[in-house]
């Protein structure tokens, strides 16, 4: 309940809006939730597998941190690509609609 209250207070104070304005890629990931959830799961598993293989099953703190950073960067890239694909499909649909009305 304490976390819920804290988040509610952050929303009321406008901190979440300010954070979203400063981190638009994070907002993009949120807007593409299902795609990012599925790809994020695969990226996380792949990062863990590669980390395990690269360190003979004994990852250190720094190698784990680097794997996490690579996974986060990949997740942000997937969010941006998913949004670009969604925007592209929307433009194509609009063009088809305009072309159908022109005839």
N, C-alpha and C. Protein backbone atom coordinates (compact mmCIF):
# COMPACT_ATOMS: atom_id res chain seq x y z
N UNK A 1 0.81 -1.19 0.00
CA UNK A 1 0.00 0.00 0.00
C UNK A 1 0.86 1.26 0.00
N UNK A 2 2.02 1.17 0.64
CA UNK A 2 2.88 2.34 0.70
C UNK A 2 3.37 2.75 -0.69
N UNK A 3 3.70 1.75 -1.53
CA UNK A 3 4.17 2.05 -2.89
C UNK A 3 3.03 2.66 -3.69
N UNK A 4 1.83 2.12 -3.54
CA UNK A 4 0.66 2.67 -4.23
C UNK A 4 0.42 4.12 -3.83
N UNK A 5 0.50 4.41 -2.54
CA UNK A 5 0.32 5.77 -2.06
C UNK A 5 1.41 6.69 -2.63
N UNK A 6 2.64 6.21 -2.62
CA UNK A 6 3.76 7.01 -3.13
C UNK A 6 3.56 7.35 -4.61
N UNK A 7 3.18 6.36 -5.41
CA UNK A 7 2.95 6.60 -6.84
C UNK A 7 1.79 7.57 -7.03
N UNK A 8 0.72 7.42 -6.26
CA UNK A 8 -0.42 8.34 -6.36
C UNK A 8 0.01 9.77 -6.05
N UNK A 9 0.86 9.93 -5.05
CA UNK A 9 1.34 11.28 -4.71
C UNK A 9 2.22 11.84 -5.82
N UNK A 10 3.03 11.00 -6.44
CA UNK A 10 3.89 11.44 -7.55
C UNK A 10 3.03 11.88 -8.73
N UNK A 11 1.94 11.18 -8.99
CA UNK A 11 1.05 11.57 -10.08
C UNK A 11 0.40 12.91 -9.76
N UNK A 12 -0.11 13.06 -8.54
CA UNK A 12 -0.77 14.32 -8.14
C UNK A 12 0.17 15.52 -8.23
N UNK A 13 1.43 15.31 -7.89
CA UNK A 13 2.41 16.40 -7.91
C UNK A 13 2.93 16.72 -9.31
N UNK A 14 2.59 15.86 -10.28
CA UNK A 14 3.04 16.09 -11.64
C UNK A 14 4.42 15.53 -11.95
N UNK A 15 4.98 14.78 -11.03
CA UNK A 15 6.32 14.24 -11.23
C UNK A 15 6.34 13.19 -12.34
N UNK A 16 5.27 12.40 -12.42
CA UNK A 16 5.22 11.37 -13.46
C UNK A 16 5.19 12.02 -14.84
N UNK A 17 4.43 13.11 -14.99
CA UNK A 17 4.37 13.83 -16.27
C UNK A 17 5.75 14.38 -16.63
N UNK A 18 6.43 14.96 -15.67
CA UNK A 18 7.77 15.49 -15.92
C UNK A 18 8.74 14.38 -16.32
N UNK A 19 8.64 13.25 -15.64
CA UNK A 19 9.49 12.11 -15.95
C UNK A 19 9.19 11.60 -17.36
N UNK A 20 7.91 11.51 -17.70
CA UNK A 20 7.52 11.04 -19.03
C UNK A 20 8.00 12.00 -20.12
N UNK A 21 7.95 13.30 -19.84
CA UNK A 21 8.43 14.28 -20.81
C UNK A 21 9.93 14.15 -21.05
N UNK A 22 10.66 13.75 -20.02
CA UNK A 22 12.13 13.63 -20.14
C UNK A 22 12.57 12.28 -20.69
N UNK A 23 11.70 11.28 -20.63
CA UNK A 23 12.05 9.92 -21.06
C UNK A 23 11.03 9.40 -22.08
N UNK A 24 10.97 10.00 -23.26
CA UNK A 24 9.94 9.61 -24.22
C UNK A 24 10.07 8.17 -24.72
N UNK A 25 11.28 7.62 -24.75
CA UNK A 25 11.42 6.22 -25.18
C UNK A 25 10.77 5.26 -24.19
N UNK A 26 10.82 5.58 -22.92
CA UNK A 26 10.17 4.73 -21.92
C UNK A 26 8.66 4.77 -22.12
N UNK A 27 8.13 5.94 -22.44
CA UNK A 27 6.69 6.07 -22.72
C UNK A 27 6.33 5.26 -23.96
N UNK A 28 7.20 5.28 -24.96
CA UNK A 28 6.97 4.51 -26.19
C UNK A 28 6.91 3.02 -25.88
N UNK A 29 7.78 2.54 -25.02
CA UNK A 29 7.74 1.13 -24.61
C UNK A 29 6.40 0.83 -23.94
N UNK A 30 5.94 1.73 -23.09
CA UNK A 30 4.66 1.53 -22.42
C UNK A 30 3.48 1.51 -23.39
N UNK A 31 3.55 2.33 -24.43
CA UNK A 31 2.46 2.38 -25.41
C UNK A 31 2.41 1.13 -26.27
N UNK A 32 3.48 0.40 -26.34
CA UNK A 32 3.56 -0.83 -27.13
C UNK A 32 3.74 -2.02 -26.19
N UNK A 33 2.90 -2.08 -25.19
CA UNK A 33 3.05 -3.01 -24.09
C UNK A 33 3.22 -4.47 -24.46
N UNK A 34 2.30 -5.02 -25.24
CA UNK A 34 2.36 -6.46 -25.52
C UNK A 34 3.59 -6.82 -26.33
N UNK A 35 3.86 -6.05 -27.37
CA UNK A 35 5.04 -6.31 -28.20
C UNK A 35 6.30 -6.23 -27.35
N UNK A 36 6.39 -5.21 -26.54
CA UNK A 36 7.59 -5.03 -25.71
C UNK A 36 7.68 -6.09 -24.61
N UNK A 37 6.54 -6.53 -24.10
CA UNK A 37 6.57 -7.59 -23.08
C UNK A 37 7.12 -8.88 -23.67
N UNK A 38 6.62 -9.27 -24.83
CA UNK A 38 7.07 -10.52 -25.45
C UNK A 38 8.55 -10.43 -25.84
N UNK A 39 8.91 -9.37 -26.54
CA UNK A 39 10.31 -9.21 -26.94
C UNK A 39 11.21 -9.03 -25.72
N UNK A 40 10.75 -8.33 -24.71
CA UNK A 40 11.54 -8.13 -23.50
C UNK A 40 11.84 -9.44 -22.80
N UNK A 41 10.86 -10.35 -22.79
CA UNK A 41 11.08 -11.66 -22.20
C UNK A 41 12.17 -12.41 -22.97
N UNK A 42 12.08 -12.38 -24.29
CA UNK A 42 13.09 -13.07 -25.10
C UNK A 42 14.46 -12.44 -24.94
N UNK A 43 14.52 -11.12 -24.92
CA UNK A 43 15.80 -10.42 -24.75
C UNK A 43 16.42 -10.76 -23.40
N UNK A 44 15.60 -10.76 -22.36
CA UNK A 44 16.10 -11.05 -21.02
C UNK A 44 16.65 -12.48 -20.94
N UNK A 45 15.92 -13.42 -21.50
CA UNK A 45 16.40 -14.80 -21.50
C UNK A 45 17.69 -14.94 -22.29
N UNK A 46 17.74 -14.31 -23.45
CA UNK A 46 18.94 -14.38 -24.28
C UNK A 46 20.14 -13.75 -23.56
N UNK A 47 19.92 -12.61 -22.91
CA UNK A 47 21.01 -11.95 -22.18
C UNK A 47 21.52 -12.84 -21.06
N UNK A 48 20.60 -13.48 -20.34
CA UNK A 48 21.02 -14.38 -19.25
C UNK A 48 21.77 -15.59 -19.76
N UNK A 49 21.29 -16.17 -20.86
CA UNK A 49 21.97 -17.34 -21.44
C UNK A 49 23.37 -16.97 -21.91
N UNK A 50 23.47 -15.85 -22.65
CA UNK A 50 24.79 -15.43 -23.15
C UNK A 50 25.73 -15.09 -22.01
N UNK A 51 25.21 -14.44 -20.98
CA UNK A 51 26.04 -14.10 -19.82
C UNK A 51 26.53 -15.37 -19.13
N UNK A 52 25.66 -16.34 -18.97
CA UNK A 52 26.04 -17.61 -18.34
C UNK A 52 27.11 -18.31 -19.16
N UNK A 53 26.91 -18.36 -20.48
CA UNK A 53 27.88 -19.04 -21.34
C UNK A 53 29.22 -18.30 -21.38
N UNK A 54 29.19 -16.98 -21.40
CA UNK A 54 30.42 -16.19 -21.50
C UNK A 54 31.25 -16.24 -20.22
N UNK A 55 30.61 -16.52 -19.09
CA UNK A 55 31.33 -16.49 -17.82
C UNK A 55 31.45 -17.87 -17.18
N UNK A 56 31.23 -18.90 -17.94
CA UNK A 56 31.27 -20.28 -17.43
C UNK A 56 30.37 -20.47 -16.20
N UNK A 57 29.23 -19.78 -16.22
CA UNK A 57 28.26 -19.94 -15.15
C UNK A 57 28.52 -19.14 -13.90
N UNK A 58 29.52 -18.25 -13.94
CA UNK A 58 29.86 -17.44 -12.76
C UNK A 58 29.94 -15.96 -13.13
N UNK A 59 28.81 -15.34 -13.45
CA UNK A 59 28.88 -13.92 -13.83
C UNK A 59 29.23 -13.04 -12.62
N UNK A 60 30.03 -12.03 -12.88
CA UNK A 60 30.35 -11.07 -11.84
C UNK A 60 29.38 -9.90 -11.88
N UNK A 61 29.54 -9.00 -10.95
CA UNK A 61 28.65 -7.84 -10.88
C UNK A 61 28.71 -6.99 -12.14
N UNK A 62 29.93 -6.74 -12.63
CA UNK A 62 30.07 -5.86 -13.79
C UNK A 62 29.52 -6.50 -15.06
N UNK A 63 29.76 -7.79 -15.24
CA UNK A 63 29.24 -8.45 -16.43
C UNK A 63 27.72 -8.52 -16.38
N UNK A 64 27.16 -8.74 -15.20
CA UNK A 64 25.70 -8.73 -15.05
C UNK A 64 25.12 -7.36 -15.34
N UNK A 65 25.80 -6.31 -14.87
CA UNK A 65 25.35 -4.95 -15.13
C UNK A 65 25.40 -4.63 -16.62
N UNK A 66 26.46 -5.06 -17.30
CA UNK A 66 26.57 -4.81 -18.74
C UNK A 66 25.48 -5.56 -19.51
N UNK A 67 25.17 -6.79 -19.10
CA UNK A 67 24.10 -7.55 -19.75
C UNK A 67 22.76 -6.86 -19.54
N UNK A 68 22.53 -6.34 -18.34
CA UNK A 68 21.28 -5.62 -18.06
C UNK A 68 21.19 -4.34 -18.89
N UNK A 69 22.30 -3.62 -19.01
CA UNK A 69 22.29 -2.40 -19.82
C UNK A 69 22.02 -2.70 -21.29
N UNK A 70 22.59 -3.78 -21.79
CA UNK A 70 22.34 -4.18 -23.18
C UNK A 70 20.88 -4.58 -23.36
N UNK A 71 20.31 -5.26 -22.38
CA UNK A 71 18.90 -5.66 -22.46
C UNK A 71 17.98 -4.44 -22.43
N UNK A 72 18.29 -3.46 -21.59
CA UNK A 72 17.47 -2.24 -21.52
C UNK A 72 17.57 -1.46 -22.82
N UNK A 73 18.77 -1.32 -23.35
CA UNK A 73 18.94 -0.61 -24.63
C UNK A 73 18.19 -1.33 -25.74
N UNK A 74 18.24 -2.65 -25.75
CA UNK A 74 17.50 -3.42 -26.75
C UNK A 74 16.00 -3.21 -26.60
N UNK A 75 15.53 -3.17 -25.36
CA UNK A 75 14.10 -2.97 -25.10
C UNK A 75 13.64 -1.60 -25.60
N UNK A 76 14.44 -0.58 -25.39
CA UNK A 76 14.09 0.76 -25.88
C UNK A 76 14.07 0.78 -27.40
N UNK A 77 15.01 0.07 -28.02
CA UNK A 77 15.04 0.00 -29.49
C UNK A 77 13.81 -0.74 -30.02
N UNK A 78 13.42 -1.82 -29.36
CA UNK A 78 12.22 -2.56 -29.77
C UNK A 78 10.98 -1.68 -29.65
N UNK A 79 10.89 -0.91 -28.58
CA UNK A 79 9.76 0.01 -28.42
C UNK A 79 9.70 1.03 -29.54
N UNK A 80 10.85 1.59 -29.91
CA UNK A 80 10.89 2.58 -31.00
C UNK A 80 10.53 1.93 -32.33
N UNK A 81 11.03 0.72 -32.57
CA UNK A 81 10.70 0.02 -33.82
C UNK A 81 9.22 -0.35 -33.88
N UNK A 82 8.67 -0.79 -32.77
CA UNK A 82 7.24 -1.14 -32.73
C UNK A 82 6.38 0.08 -33.01
N UNK A 83 6.76 1.23 -32.45
CA UNK A 83 6.00 2.46 -32.70
C UNK A 83 6.13 2.90 -34.15
N UNK A 84 7.33 2.79 -34.71
CA UNK A 84 7.52 3.15 -36.12
C UNK A 84 6.68 2.26 -37.02
N UNK A 85 6.63 0.97 -36.73
CA UNK A 85 5.84 0.03 -37.52
C UNK A 85 4.34 0.36 -37.40
N UNK A 86 3.91 0.68 -36.19
CA UNK A 86 2.50 1.03 -35.97
C UNK A 86 2.14 2.31 -36.74
N UNK A 87 3.03 3.30 -36.71
CA UNK A 87 2.80 4.55 -37.44
C UNK A 87 2.78 4.30 -38.95
N UNK A 88 3.67 3.45 -39.43
CA UNK A 88 3.73 3.12 -40.86
C UNK A 88 2.43 2.46 -41.30
N UNK A 89 1.96 1.48 -40.55
CA UNK A 89 0.72 0.80 -40.91
C UNK A 89 -0.47 1.75 -40.89
N UNK A 90 -0.47 2.69 -39.97
CA UNK A 90 -1.54 3.68 -39.90
C UNK A 90 -1.54 4.57 -41.14
N UNK A 91 -0.35 5.01 -41.57
CA UNK A 91 -0.25 5.84 -42.78
C UNK A 91 -0.71 5.09 -44.02
N UNK A 92 -0.33 3.82 -44.12
CA UNK A 92 -0.75 3.00 -45.27
C UNK A 92 -2.27 2.85 -45.28
N UNK A 93 -2.85 2.60 -44.13
CA UNK A 93 -4.31 2.45 -44.03
C UNK A 93 -5.01 3.75 -44.43
N UNK A 94 -4.46 4.89 -44.01
CA UNK A 94 -5.05 6.17 -44.36
C UNK A 94 -4.96 6.42 -45.86
N UNK A 95 -3.83 6.08 -46.47
CA UNK A 95 -3.68 6.25 -47.92
C UNK A 95 -4.68 5.39 -48.68
N UNK A 96 -4.87 4.17 -48.23
CA UNK A 96 -5.84 3.28 -48.89
C UNK A 96 -7.24 3.83 -48.75
N UNK A 97 -7.54 4.41 -47.61
CA UNK A 97 -8.86 5.01 -47.41
C UNK A 97 -9.09 6.20 -48.30
N UNK A 98 -8.06 7.04 -48.46
CA UNK A 98 -8.17 8.21 -49.35
C UNK A 98 -8.26 7.78 -50.80
N UNK A 99 -7.53 6.76 -51.18
CA UNK A 99 -7.56 6.27 -52.56
C UNK A 99 -8.92 5.67 -52.90
N UNK A 100 -9.54 5.00 -51.94
CA UNK A 100 -10.86 4.40 -52.19
C UNK A 100 -11.93 5.47 -52.36
N UNK A 101 -11.81 6.57 -51.63
CA UNK A 101 -12.78 7.66 -51.74
C UNK A 101 -12.57 8.50 -53.00
N UNK A 102 -11.37 8.47 -53.53
CA UNK A 102 -11.07 9.29 -54.73
C UNK A 102 -11.69 8.69 -55.99
N UNK A 103 -11.96 7.39 -55.97
CA UNK A 103 -12.49 6.75 -57.18
C UNK A 103 -13.97 6.81 -57.22
